[in-house]
Amino acid sequence: MFEKLVDIIVNYVEVDRADIKPESRFMEDLGFTSFDFMSMLGEIEDELEVEIEQEDIAEIRTVQEAVDYLEKLSN
């Protein structure tokens, strides 16, 4: 799931794949804007065929938190 998420992240921000770590924060470390982040979540929903709850979005700050959340949704 981490690699799949990295594949999606690099489509939204100009960051080297090697610089994306589990502890990377979307806004502070990777340079996401709110619009980038919401657009990426929409793509993730389409790609993984999951539905991300709006109230859960505020809890997702790092790549690892996103991976954990998506793995929970996928099961």
N, C-alpha and C. Protein backbone atom coordinates (compact mmCIF):
# COMPACT_ATOMS: atom_id res chain seq x y z
N MET A 1 0.82 -1.20 0.00
CA MET A 1 0.00 0.00 0.00
C MET A 1 0.87 1.27 0.00
N PHE A 2 1.99 1.23 0.71
CA PHE A 2 2.87 2.40 0.76
C PHE A 2 3.35 2.78 -0.64
N GLU A 3 3.82 1.80 -1.39
CA GLU A 3 4.34 2.08 -2.74
C GLU A 3 3.24 2.60 -3.66
N LYS A 4 2.06 2.04 -3.53
CA LYS A 4 0.93 2.50 -4.35
C LYS A 4 0.61 3.95 -4.03
N LEU A 5 0.66 4.30 -2.74
CA LEU A 5 0.39 5.67 -2.33
C LEU A 5 1.49 6.62 -2.84
N VAL A 6 2.73 6.17 -2.78
CA VAL A 6 3.84 6.99 -3.30
C VAL A 6 3.63 7.26 -4.80
N ASP A 7 3.20 6.24 -5.54
CA ASP A 7 2.94 6.41 -6.97
C ASP A 7 1.92 7.53 -7.21
N ILE A 8 0.92 7.60 -6.36
CA ILE A 8 -0.11 8.63 -6.50
C ILE A 8 0.42 9.99 -6.05
N ILE A 9 1.15 10.03 -4.94
CA ILE A 9 1.67 11.29 -4.40
C ILE A 9 2.52 12.04 -5.42
N VAL A 10 3.39 11.33 -6.13
CA VAL A 10 4.30 12.01 -7.07
C VAL A 10 3.55 12.64 -8.25
N ASN A 11 2.28 12.28 -8.44
CA ASN A 11 1.48 12.92 -9.48
C ASN A 11 0.97 14.29 -9.04
N TYR A 12 1.04 14.57 -7.75
CA TYR A 12 0.44 15.80 -7.22
C TYR A 12 1.45 16.83 -6.75
N VAL A 13 2.61 16.41 -6.30
CA VAL A 13 3.61 17.36 -5.81
C VAL A 13 4.97 17.00 -6.40
N GLU A 14 5.80 18.01 -6.54
CA GLU A 14 7.14 17.80 -7.08
C GLU A 14 8.07 17.41 -5.95
N VAL A 15 8.15 16.12 -5.72
CA VAL A 15 9.01 15.58 -4.67
C VAL A 15 9.60 14.27 -5.17
N ASP A 16 10.83 14.04 -4.82
CA ASP A 16 11.51 12.81 -5.24
C ASP A 16 10.92 11.63 -4.48
N ARG A 17 10.69 10.54 -5.19
CA ARG A 17 10.12 9.33 -4.55
C ARG A 17 10.90 8.93 -3.30
N ALA A 18 12.22 9.06 -3.36
CA ALA A 18 13.07 8.65 -2.24
C ALA A 18 12.87 9.53 -1.01
N ASP A 19 12.33 10.72 -1.22
CA ASP A 19 12.11 11.64 -0.10
C ASP A 19 10.77 11.41 0.60
N ILE A 20 9.96 10.52 0.07
CA ILE A 20 8.66 10.24 0.68
C ILE A 20 8.84 9.10 1.67
N LYS A 21 8.68 9.42 2.93
CA LYS A 21 8.87 8.46 4.02
C LYS A 21 7.52 8.24 4.73
N PRO A 22 7.39 7.15 5.47
CA PRO A 22 6.13 6.95 6.22
C PRO A 22 5.78 8.11 7.13
N GLU A 23 6.79 8.75 7.71
CA GLU A 23 6.52 9.85 8.64
C GLU A 23 6.36 11.20 7.95
N SER A 24 6.49 11.24 6.61
CA SER A 24 6.33 12.50 5.87
C SER A 24 4.92 13.04 6.05
N ARG A 25 4.83 14.33 6.37
CA ARG A 25 3.53 14.99 6.52
C ARG A 25 3.15 15.59 5.17
N PHE A 26 1.91 15.40 4.77
CA PHE A 26 1.47 15.85 3.45
C PHE A 26 1.69 17.34 3.23
N MET A 27 1.22 18.16 4.15
CA MET A 27 1.29 19.61 3.97
C MET A 27 2.70 20.14 4.25
N GLU A 28 3.22 19.85 5.42
CA GLU A 28 4.47 20.46 5.87
C GLU A 28 5.70 19.92 5.13
N ASP A 29 5.76 18.61 4.91
CA ASP A 29 6.96 18.01 4.33
C ASP A 29 6.89 17.83 2.81
N LEU A 30 5.72 17.50 2.31
CA LEU A 30 5.60 17.19 0.89
C LEU A 30 5.07 18.36 0.06
N GLY A 31 4.59 19.40 0.72
CA GLY A 31 4.16 20.60 0.02
C GLY A 31 2.78 20.55 -0.59
N PHE A 32 1.92 19.69 -0.08
CA PHE A 32 0.55 19.63 -0.57
C PHE A 32 -0.21 20.88 -0.18
N THR A 33 -1.07 21.35 -1.07
CA THR A 33 -2.07 22.35 -0.72
C THR A 33 -3.33 21.57 -0.34
N SER A 34 -4.29 22.25 0.24
CA SER A 34 -5.55 21.58 0.57
C SER A 34 -6.20 21.02 -0.69
N PHE A 35 -6.13 21.79 -1.78
CA PHE A 35 -6.72 21.34 -3.03
C PHE A 35 -6.02 20.09 -3.56
N ASP A 36 -4.67 20.09 -3.51
CA ASP A 36 -3.91 18.91 -3.95
C ASP A 36 -4.31 17.69 -3.14
N PHE A 37 -4.42 17.88 -1.84
CA PHE A 37 -4.72 16.77 -0.94
C PHE A 37 -6.10 16.19 -1.23
N MET A 38 -7.09 17.06 -1.38
CA MET A 38 -8.45 16.58 -1.67
C MET A 38 -8.52 15.92 -3.05
N SER A 39 -7.81 16.46 -4.02
CA SER A 39 -7.77 15.85 -5.35
C SER A 39 -7.14 14.47 -5.28
N MET A 40 -6.05 14.35 -4.51
CA MET A 40 -5.38 13.06 -4.37
C MET A 40 -6.32 12.05 -3.70
N LEU A 41 -7.05 12.49 -2.68
CA LEU A 41 -7.98 11.57 -2.01
C LEU A 41 -9.04 11.07 -2.98
N GLY A 42 -9.50 11.94 -3.86
CA GLY A 42 -10.47 11.52 -4.87
C GLY A 42 -9.90 10.45 -5.79
N GLU A 43 -8.64 10.63 -6.19
CA GLU A 43 -7.99 9.63 -7.04
C GLU A 43 -7.83 8.31 -6.28
N ILE A 44 -7.45 8.40 -5.01
CA ILE A 44 -7.29 7.19 -4.19
C ILE A 44 -8.61 6.44 -4.10
N GLU A 45 -9.70 7.17 -3.90
CA GLU A 45 -11.01 6.53 -3.83
C GLU A 45 -11.31 5.78 -5.13
N ASP A 46 -11.02 6.41 -6.26
CA ASP A 46 -11.26 5.77 -7.55
C ASP A 46 -10.36 4.57 -7.76
N GLU A 47 -9.06 4.74 -7.48
CA GLU A 47 -8.08 3.68 -7.72
C GLU A 47 -8.34 2.45 -6.85
N LEU A 48 -8.62 2.68 -5.57
CA LEU A 48 -8.74 1.59 -4.62
C LEU A 48 -10.18 1.16 -4.38
N GLU A 49 -11.11 1.89 -5.02
CA GLU A 49 -12.54 1.60 -4.86
C GLU A 49 -12.95 1.58 -3.39
N VAL A 50 -12.58 2.67 -2.71
CA VAL A 50 -12.95 2.85 -1.30
C VAL A 50 -13.63 4.20 -1.16
N GLU A 51 -14.26 4.41 -0.02
CA GLU A 51 -14.86 5.72 0.26
C GLU A 51 -14.24 6.26 1.54
N ILE A 52 -13.59 7.41 1.41
CA ILE A 52 -12.93 8.05 2.54
C ILE A 52 -13.93 9.00 3.19
N GLU A 53 -14.18 8.78 4.48
CA GLU A 53 -15.14 9.60 5.21
C GLU A 53 -14.57 10.99 5.46
N GLN A 54 -15.38 12.01 5.25
CA GLN A 54 -14.94 13.39 5.41
C GLN A 54 -14.38 13.66 6.80
N GLU A 55 -15.02 13.11 7.83
CA GLU A 55 -14.55 13.38 9.19
C GLU A 55 -13.22 12.70 9.50
N ASP A 56 -12.85 11.70 8.72
CA ASP A 56 -11.57 11.02 8.93
C ASP A 56 -10.40 11.76 8.29
N ILE A 57 -10.68 12.61 7.33
CA ILE A 57 -9.62 13.29 6.58
C ILE A 57 -8.74 14.13 7.49
N ALA A 58 -9.33 14.79 8.47
CA ALA A 58 -8.56 15.65 9.38
C ALA A 58 -7.54 14.86 10.20
N GLU A 59 -7.79 13.56 10.35
CA GLU A 59 -6.89 12.71 11.15
C GLU A 59 -5.69 12.22 10.34
N ILE A 60 -5.72 12.41 9.03
CA ILE A 60 -4.67 11.89 8.16
C ILE A 60 -3.66 13.00 7.87
N ARG A 61 -2.53 12.95 8.55
CA ARG A 61 -1.52 13.99 8.38
C ARG A 61 -0.23 13.45 7.76
N THR A 62 0.06 12.18 7.99
CA THR A 62 1.30 11.59 7.46
C THR A 62 0.98 10.50 6.45
N VAL A 63 1.99 10.15 5.69
CA VAL A 63 1.83 9.08 4.70
C VAL A 63 1.46 7.78 5.41
N GLN A 64 2.09 7.49 6.54
CA GLN A 64 1.78 6.24 7.25
C GLN A 64 0.35 6.23 7.78
N GLU A 65 -0.13 7.37 8.25
CA GLU A 65 -1.53 7.43 8.71
C GLU A 65 -2.47 7.14 7.54
N ALA A 66 -2.13 7.63 6.36
CA ALA A 66 -2.95 7.36 5.17
C ALA A 66 -2.89 5.88 4.82
N VAL A 67 -1.70 5.29 4.87
CA VAL A 67 -1.54 3.86 4.57
C VAL A 67 -2.37 3.02 5.55
N ASP A 68 -2.25 3.32 6.84
CA ASP A 68 -3.00 2.57 7.86
C ASP A 68 -4.51 2.68 7.63
N TYR A 69 -4.96 3.89 7.33
CA TYR A 69 -6.38 4.13 7.11
C TYR A 69 -6.87 3.36 5.88
N LEU A 70 -6.10 3.43 4.80
CA LEU A 70 -6.51 2.76 3.56
C LEU A 70 -6.48 1.24 3.70
N GLU A 71 -5.50 0.73 4.44
CA GLU A 71 -5.46 -0.71 4.66
C GLU A 71 -6.68 -1.16 5.47
N LYS A 72 -7.08 -0.34 6.44
CA LYS A 72 -8.27 -0.67 7.23
C LYS A 72 -9.52 -0.65 6.35
N LEU A 73 -9.61 0.32 5.45
CA LEU A 73 -10.77 0.41 4.54
C LEU A 73 -10.80 -0.75 3.56
N SER A 74 -9.64 -1.20 3.13
CA SER A 74 -9.55 -2.23 2.10
C SER A 74 -9.92 -3.62 2.64
N ASN A 75 -9.83 -3.78 3.94
CA ASN A 75 -10.13 -5.11 4.53
C ASN A 75 -11.60 -5.32 4.72
